[in-house]
Amino acid sequence: MHIRNFRSVKPKVQESHGPTTLYQNVFGAGSGEGPEMNGFTSFWKMTIKPGGTNKPHTHQDQEQIYMVLRGSSTVMVGEERKTAKAGDVIYLPVGLMHAVFNDTQKPCIILAVGAKLPP
């Protein structure tokens, strides 16, 4: 069994995603701890500062799901943009450009999971 508390994970910036988003990788890629996962690439929490973004980017080898825990932001998936608020869950398909733009005055906190493509 693997149990890890978010409070024990130091928030870090991922340069490729910009300086205004703090990542807390609990398990998987970049976490340095936890099990070797078969289908999942990672499980993390993002805190996007007011006025910040996790820069537009794509993943060719994984799909992701974001769940907004607190706050709201504009989410871009491909050419589409929508407002996502606390409780909303966003599916991010493989290969589509995506980003979150926090255009509010409060932090936006998102729980996220990435999964590998099947072989």
N, C-alpha and C. Protein backbone atom coordinates (compact mmCIF):
# COMPACT_ATOMS: atom_id res chain seq x y z
N MET A 1 0.85 -1.17 0.00
CA MET A 1 0.00 0.00 0.00
C MET A 1 0.90 1.24 0.00
N HIS A 2 0.49 2.25 -0.75
CA HIS A 2 1.24 3.49 -0.81
C HIS A 2 0.31 4.64 -0.41
N ILE A 3 0.68 5.36 0.63
CA ILE A 3 -0.08 6.52 1.07
C ILE A 3 0.89 7.69 1.14
N ARG A 4 0.49 8.80 0.54
CA ARG A 4 1.32 9.99 0.59
C ARG A 4 0.40 11.20 0.72
N ASN A 5 0.73 12.12 1.57
CA ASN A 5 -0.09 13.30 1.81
C ASN A 5 0.43 14.47 0.96
N PHE A 6 -0.49 15.20 0.34
CA PHE A 6 -0.10 16.37 -0.47
C PHE A 6 0.76 17.34 0.33
N ARG A 7 0.49 17.46 1.62
CA ARG A 7 1.23 18.42 2.45
C ARG A 7 2.71 18.07 2.55
N SER A 8 3.06 16.82 2.27
CA SER A 8 4.46 16.40 2.34
C SER A 8 5.19 16.60 1.01
N VAL A 9 4.48 17.05 -0.01
CA VAL A 9 5.07 17.22 -1.34
C VAL A 9 5.31 18.70 -1.60
N LYS A 10 6.56 19.06 -1.75
CA LYS A 10 6.92 20.46 -1.99
C LYS A 10 6.44 20.90 -3.37
N PRO A 11 5.68 21.99 -3.45
CA PRO A 11 5.24 22.50 -4.76
C PRO A 11 6.44 22.95 -5.59
N LYS A 12 6.41 22.61 -6.89
CA LYS A 12 7.49 22.96 -7.80
C LYS A 12 6.93 23.54 -9.08
N VAL A 13 7.73 24.37 -9.73
CA VAL A 13 7.39 24.91 -11.04
C VAL A 13 7.97 23.96 -12.09
N GLN A 14 7.19 23.65 -13.12
CA GLN A 14 7.70 22.91 -14.27
C GLN A 14 7.95 23.96 -15.36
N GLU A 15 9.20 24.21 -15.65
CA GLU A 15 9.56 25.30 -16.56
C GLU A 15 8.81 25.24 -17.88
N SER A 16 8.57 24.04 -18.41
CA SER A 16 7.89 23.91 -19.69
C SER A 16 6.44 24.38 -19.64
N HIS A 17 5.88 24.45 -18.44
CA HIS A 17 4.49 24.87 -18.29
C HIS A 17 4.35 26.29 -17.76
N GLY A 18 5.45 26.95 -17.50
CA GLY A 18 5.42 28.34 -17.05
C GLY A 18 5.56 28.50 -15.55
N PRO A 19 5.96 29.70 -15.11
CA PRO A 19 6.29 29.95 -13.71
C PRO A 19 5.10 30.23 -12.79
N THR A 20 3.88 30.31 -13.34
CA THR A 20 2.74 30.69 -12.50
C THR A 20 1.91 29.50 -12.04
N THR A 21 2.37 28.28 -12.32
CA THR A 21 1.66 27.08 -11.88
C THR A 21 2.59 26.25 -11.03
N LEU A 22 2.12 25.92 -9.82
CA LEU A 22 2.88 25.06 -8.91
C LEU A 22 2.33 23.65 -8.99
N TYR A 23 3.22 22.68 -9.15
CA TYR A 23 2.84 21.27 -9.27
C TYR A 23 3.28 20.51 -8.04
N GLN A 24 2.40 19.63 -7.58
CA GLN A 24 2.73 18.70 -6.50
C GLN A 24 2.48 17.30 -7.03
N ASN A 25 3.53 16.66 -7.57
CA ASN A 25 3.41 15.30 -8.09
C ASN A 25 3.45 14.33 -6.92
N VAL A 26 2.34 13.65 -6.70
CA VAL A 26 2.24 12.73 -5.58
C VAL A 26 2.77 11.35 -5.96
N PHE A 27 2.35 10.85 -7.11
CA PHE A 27 2.83 9.57 -7.62
C PHE A 27 3.17 9.72 -9.09
N GLY A 28 4.09 8.90 -9.56
CA GLY A 28 4.40 8.87 -10.98
C GLY A 28 5.54 9.79 -11.36
N ALA A 29 5.56 10.16 -12.63
CA ALA A 29 6.65 10.95 -13.20
C ALA A 29 6.94 12.20 -12.38
N GLY A 30 8.18 12.34 -11.98
CA GLY A 30 8.61 13.52 -11.25
C GLY A 30 8.34 13.50 -9.76
N SER A 31 7.69 12.46 -9.26
CA SER A 31 7.35 12.45 -7.83
C SER A 31 8.51 11.94 -6.98
N GLY A 32 9.31 11.05 -7.53
CA GLY A 32 10.42 10.48 -6.77
C GLY A 32 9.99 9.46 -5.74
N GLU A 33 8.69 9.18 -5.68
CA GLU A 33 8.18 8.21 -4.69
C GLU A 33 7.00 7.46 -5.27
N GLY A 34 6.58 6.45 -4.53
CA GLY A 34 5.37 5.72 -4.88
C GLY A 34 5.64 4.52 -5.76
N PRO A 35 4.57 3.87 -6.17
CA PRO A 35 4.69 2.62 -6.92
C PRO A 35 5.06 2.87 -8.38
N GLU A 36 5.56 1.85 -9.02
CA GLU A 36 5.73 1.84 -10.47
C GLU A 36 4.34 1.61 -11.04
N MET A 37 3.80 2.61 -11.71
CA MET A 37 2.42 2.50 -12.20
C MET A 37 2.40 1.97 -13.62
N ASN A 38 1.41 1.15 -13.92
CA ASN A 38 1.33 0.52 -15.23
C ASN A 38 0.61 1.39 -16.26
N GLY A 39 -0.58 1.85 -15.96
CA GLY A 39 -1.36 2.61 -16.91
C GLY A 39 -1.29 4.11 -16.70
N PHE A 40 -1.07 4.52 -15.47
CA PHE A 40 -1.04 5.93 -15.15
C PHE A 40 0.39 6.47 -15.26
N THR A 41 0.51 7.71 -15.75
CA THR A 41 1.83 8.33 -15.80
C THR A 41 2.09 9.11 -14.52
N SER A 42 1.05 9.76 -13.99
CA SER A 42 1.23 10.54 -12.76
C SER A 42 -0.10 11.00 -12.19
N PHE A 43 -0.03 11.43 -10.94
CA PHE A 43 -1.18 11.96 -10.20
C PHE A 43 -0.66 13.19 -9.47
N TRP A 44 -1.27 14.35 -9.70
CA TRP A 44 -0.73 15.59 -9.14
C TRP A 44 -1.81 16.62 -8.87
N LYS A 45 -1.40 17.64 -8.12
CA LYS A 45 -2.25 18.80 -7.85
C LYS A 45 -1.55 20.01 -8.44
N MET A 46 -2.33 20.86 -9.13
CA MET A 46 -1.79 22.11 -9.69
C MET A 46 -2.45 23.27 -8.96
N THR A 47 -1.67 24.26 -8.62
CA THR A 47 -2.19 25.51 -8.09
C THR A 47 -1.77 26.59 -9.08
N ILE A 48 -2.75 27.17 -9.76
CA ILE A 48 -2.47 28.20 -10.76
C ILE A 48 -2.75 29.55 -10.13
N LYS A 49 -1.72 30.37 -10.08
CA LYS A 49 -1.83 31.68 -9.45
C LYS A 49 -2.78 32.59 -10.22
N PRO A 50 -3.40 33.58 -9.54
CA PRO A 50 -4.25 34.54 -10.24
C PRO A 50 -3.49 35.18 -11.40
N GLY A 51 -4.12 35.21 -12.56
CA GLY A 51 -3.50 35.76 -13.76
C GLY A 51 -2.52 34.82 -14.42
N GLY A 52 -2.36 33.61 -13.90
CA GLY A 52 -1.37 32.66 -14.41
C GLY A 52 -1.95 31.63 -15.36
N THR A 53 -1.07 30.80 -15.88
CA THR A 53 -1.46 29.72 -16.78
C THR A 53 -0.47 28.58 -16.70
N ASN A 54 -0.91 27.38 -17.06
CA ASN A 54 0.04 26.31 -17.38
C ASN A 54 0.09 26.32 -18.90
N LYS A 55 1.09 26.93 -19.45
CA LYS A 55 1.21 27.25 -20.87
C LYS A 55 0.58 26.19 -21.78
N PRO A 56 0.02 26.61 -22.92
CA PRO A 56 -0.52 25.65 -23.88
C PRO A 56 0.55 24.61 -24.27
N HIS A 57 0.13 23.35 -24.24
CA HIS A 57 1.04 22.25 -24.56
C HIS A 57 0.24 21.03 -24.97
N THR A 58 0.92 20.02 -25.50
CA THR A 58 0.27 18.76 -25.88
C THR A 58 1.05 17.59 -25.29
N HIS A 59 0.38 16.45 -25.26
CA HIS A 59 1.02 15.20 -24.87
C HIS A 59 0.68 14.18 -25.95
N GLN A 60 1.68 13.61 -26.58
CA GLN A 60 1.45 12.63 -27.64
C GLN A 60 1.32 11.21 -27.11
N ASP A 61 1.62 11.03 -25.83
CA ASP A 61 1.66 9.67 -25.29
C ASP A 61 0.71 9.44 -24.12
N GLN A 62 -0.13 10.43 -23.80
CA GLN A 62 -1.03 10.25 -22.67
C GLN A 62 -2.27 11.13 -22.79
N GLU A 63 -3.32 10.66 -22.14
CA GLU A 63 -4.52 11.47 -21.96
C GLU A 63 -4.56 11.88 -20.49
N GLN A 64 -5.32 12.94 -20.20
CA GLN A 64 -5.37 13.44 -18.83
C GLN A 64 -6.80 13.81 -18.45
N ILE A 65 -7.01 13.87 -17.14
CA ILE A 65 -8.27 14.35 -16.59
C ILE A 65 -7.92 15.38 -15.52
N TYR A 66 -8.56 16.54 -15.59
CA TYR A 66 -8.41 17.59 -14.59
C TYR A 66 -9.73 17.74 -13.85
N MET A 67 -9.67 17.89 -12.53
CA MET A 67 -10.85 18.19 -11.72
C MET A 67 -10.56 19.47 -10.95
N VAL A 68 -11.40 20.48 -11.15
CA VAL A 68 -11.22 21.75 -10.46
C VAL A 68 -11.73 21.58 -9.03
N LEU A 69 -10.82 21.74 -8.07
CA LEU A 69 -11.18 21.60 -6.66
C LEU A 69 -11.61 22.93 -6.05
N ARG A 70 -10.94 24.01 -6.48
CA ARG A 70 -11.23 25.33 -5.90
C ARG A 70 -10.98 26.39 -6.97
N GLY A 71 -11.84 27.40 -6.99
CA GLY A 71 -11.67 28.50 -7.92
C GLY A 71 -12.30 28.20 -9.27
N SER A 72 -11.92 28.98 -10.26
CA SER A 72 -12.38 28.78 -11.63
C SER A 72 -11.33 29.33 -12.57
N SER A 73 -11.39 28.88 -13.82
CA SER A 73 -10.44 29.30 -14.84
C SER A 73 -11.03 29.05 -16.20
N THR A 74 -10.39 29.61 -17.22
CA THR A 74 -10.74 29.30 -18.59
C THR A 74 -9.86 28.15 -19.03
N VAL A 75 -10.50 27.10 -19.54
CA VAL A 75 -9.77 25.93 -20.00
C VAL A 75 -9.82 25.90 -21.53
N MET A 76 -8.67 25.66 -22.13
CA MET A 76 -8.58 25.52 -23.58
C MET A 76 -8.25 24.07 -23.90
N VAL A 77 -9.04 23.47 -24.77
CA VAL A 77 -8.77 22.13 -25.29
C VAL A 77 -8.96 22.22 -26.80
N GLY A 78 -7.87 22.08 -27.55
CA GLY A 78 -7.93 22.30 -28.99
C GLY A 78 -8.28 23.77 -29.25
N GLU A 79 -9.27 24.00 -30.08
CA GLU A 79 -9.71 25.36 -30.40
C GLU A 79 -10.80 25.87 -29.45
N GLU A 80 -11.28 24.99 -28.59
CA GLU A 80 -12.41 25.31 -27.72
C GLU A 80 -11.95 25.90 -26.39
N ARG A 81 -12.67 26.91 -25.90
CA ARG A 81 -12.41 27.51 -24.58
C ARG A 81 -13.71 27.58 -23.81
N LYS A 82 -13.65 27.17 -22.53
CA LYS A 82 -14.81 27.23 -21.65
C LYS A 82 -14.35 27.55 -20.24
N THR A 83 -15.26 28.12 -19.46
CA THR A 83 -14.99 28.36 -18.05
C THR A 83 -15.25 27.08 -17.28
N ALA A 84 -14.31 26.72 -16.42
CA ALA A 84 -14.46 25.56 -15.54
C ALA A 84 -14.39 26.05 -14.11
N LYS A 85 -15.31 25.55 -13.28
CA LYS A 85 -15.38 25.99 -11.89
C LYS A 85 -15.25 24.78 -10.97
N ALA A 86 -15.16 25.04 -9.68
CA ALA A 86 -15.02 23.96 -8.69
C ALA A 86 -16.08 22.89 -8.93
N GLY A 87 -15.63 21.65 -9.00
CA GLY A 87 -16.51 20.51 -9.22
C GLY A 87 -16.51 20.04 -10.67
N ASP A 88 -16.06 20.87 -11.60
CA ASP A 88 -16.02 20.48 -13.01
C ASP A 88 -14.84 19.55 -13.27
N VAL A 89 -15.05 18.58 -14.17
CA VAL A 89 -14.02 17.63 -14.56
C VAL A 89 -13.82 17.77 -16.07
N ILE A 90 -12.56 17.89 -16.50
CA ILE A 90 -12.22 18.13 -17.89
C ILE A 90 -11.41 16.95 -18.41
N TYR A 91 -11.84 16.40 -19.56
CA TYR A 91 -11.09 15.33 -20.22
C TYR A 91 -10.19 15.95 -21.28
N LEU A 92 -8.92 15.57 -21.29
CA LEU A 92 -7.93 16.08 -22.24
C LEU A 92 -7.44 14.92 -23.10
N PRO A 93 -7.92 14.84 -24.35
CA PRO A 93 -7.51 13.74 -25.22
C PRO A 93 -6.03 13.82 -25.62
N VAL A 94 -5.50 12.73 -26.07
CA VAL A 94 -4.13 12.65 -26.56
C VAL A 94 -3.96 13.58 -27.76
N GLY A 95 -2.85 14.31 -27.78
CA GLY A 95 -2.47 15.08 -28.95
C GLY A 95 -3.15 16.42 -29.15
N LEU A 96 -4.10 16.80 -28.29
CA LEU A 96 -4.76 18.10 -28.44
C LEU A 96 -4.07 19.13 -27.54
N MET A 97 -3.81 20.30 -28.09
CA MET A 97 -3.25 21.41 -27.32
C MET A 97 -4.22 21.74 -26.19
N HIS A 98 -3.69 21.96 -24.99
CA HIS A 98 -4.54 22.33 -23.87
C HIS A 98 -3.79 23.24 -22.91
N ALA A 99 -4.56 24.00 -22.13
CA ALA A 99 -4.01 24.93 -21.15
C ALA A 99 -5.12 25.37 -20.22
N VAL A 100 -4.73 25.90 -19.07
CA VAL A 100 -5.67 26.50 -18.12
C VAL A 100 -5.20 27.93 -17.88
N PHE A 101 -6.10 28.89 -18.03
CA PHE A 101 -5.81 30.30 -17.83
C PHE A 101 -6.61 30.79 -16.63
N ASN A 102 -5.92 31.12 -15.56
CA ASN A 102 -6.62 31.62 -14.38
C ASN A 102 -6.80 33.12 -14.53
N ASP A 103 -7.96 33.52 -15.02
CA ASP A 103 -8.25 34.93 -15.25
C ASP A 103 -9.06 35.52 -14.09
N THR A 104 -8.86 34.95 -12.88
CA THR A 104 -9.55 35.44 -11.69
C THR A 104 -8.54 36.03 -10.72
N GLN A 105 -9.03 36.50 -9.59
CA GLN A 105 -8.19 37.10 -8.55
C GLN A 105 -7.84 36.11 -7.44
N LYS A 106 -8.25 34.83 -7.60
CA LYS A 106 -7.98 33.81 -6.59
C LYS A 106 -7.27 32.62 -7.24
N PRO A 107 -6.48 31.87 -6.46
CA PRO A 107 -5.84 30.68 -7.02
C PRO A 107 -6.87 29.67 -7.51
N CYS A 108 -6.50 28.94 -8.54
CA CYS A 108 -7.33 27.83 -9.03
C CYS A 108 -6.56 26.55 -8.72
N ILE A 109 -7.23 25.63 -8.03
CA ILE A 109 -6.58 24.38 -7.64
C ILE A 109 -7.22 23.23 -8.40
N ILE A 110 -6.37 22.44 -9.06
CA ILE A 110 -6.83 21.35 -9.92
C ILE A 110 -6.14 20.06 -9.52
N LEU A 111 -6.91 18.99 -9.41
CA LEU A 111 -6.39 17.65 -9.20
C LEU A 111 -6.33 17.00 -10.57
N ALA A 112 -5.22 16.33 -10.90
CA ALA A 112 -5.06 15.81 -12.25
C ALA A 112 -4.45 14.41 -12.24
N VAL A 113 -4.79 13.66 -13.28
CA VAL A 113 -4.23 12.33 -13.48
C VAL A 113 -3.92 12.16 -14.97
N GLY A 114 -2.78 11.54 -15.25
CA GLY A 114 -2.40 11.24 -16.62
C GLY A 114 -2.33 9.74 -16.81
N ALA A 115 -2.73 9.27 -17.99
CA ALA A 115 -2.71 7.84 -18.28
C ALA A 115 -2.03 7.59 -19.63
N LYS A 116 -1.23 6.52 -19.66
CA LYS A 116 -0.53 6.14 -20.88
C LYS A 116 -1.51 5.58 -21.91
N LEU A 117 -1.14 5.74 -23.17
CA LEU A 117 -1.89 5.09 -24.23
C LEU A 117 -1.65 3.58 -24.14
N PRO A 118 -2.68 2.79 -24.45
CA PRO A 118 -2.43 1.34 -24.46
C PRO A 118 -1.49 0.98 -25.61
N PRO A 119 -0.69 -0.08 -25.44
CA PRO A 119 0.26 -0.48 -26.48
C PRO A 119 -0.44 -0.96 -27.74
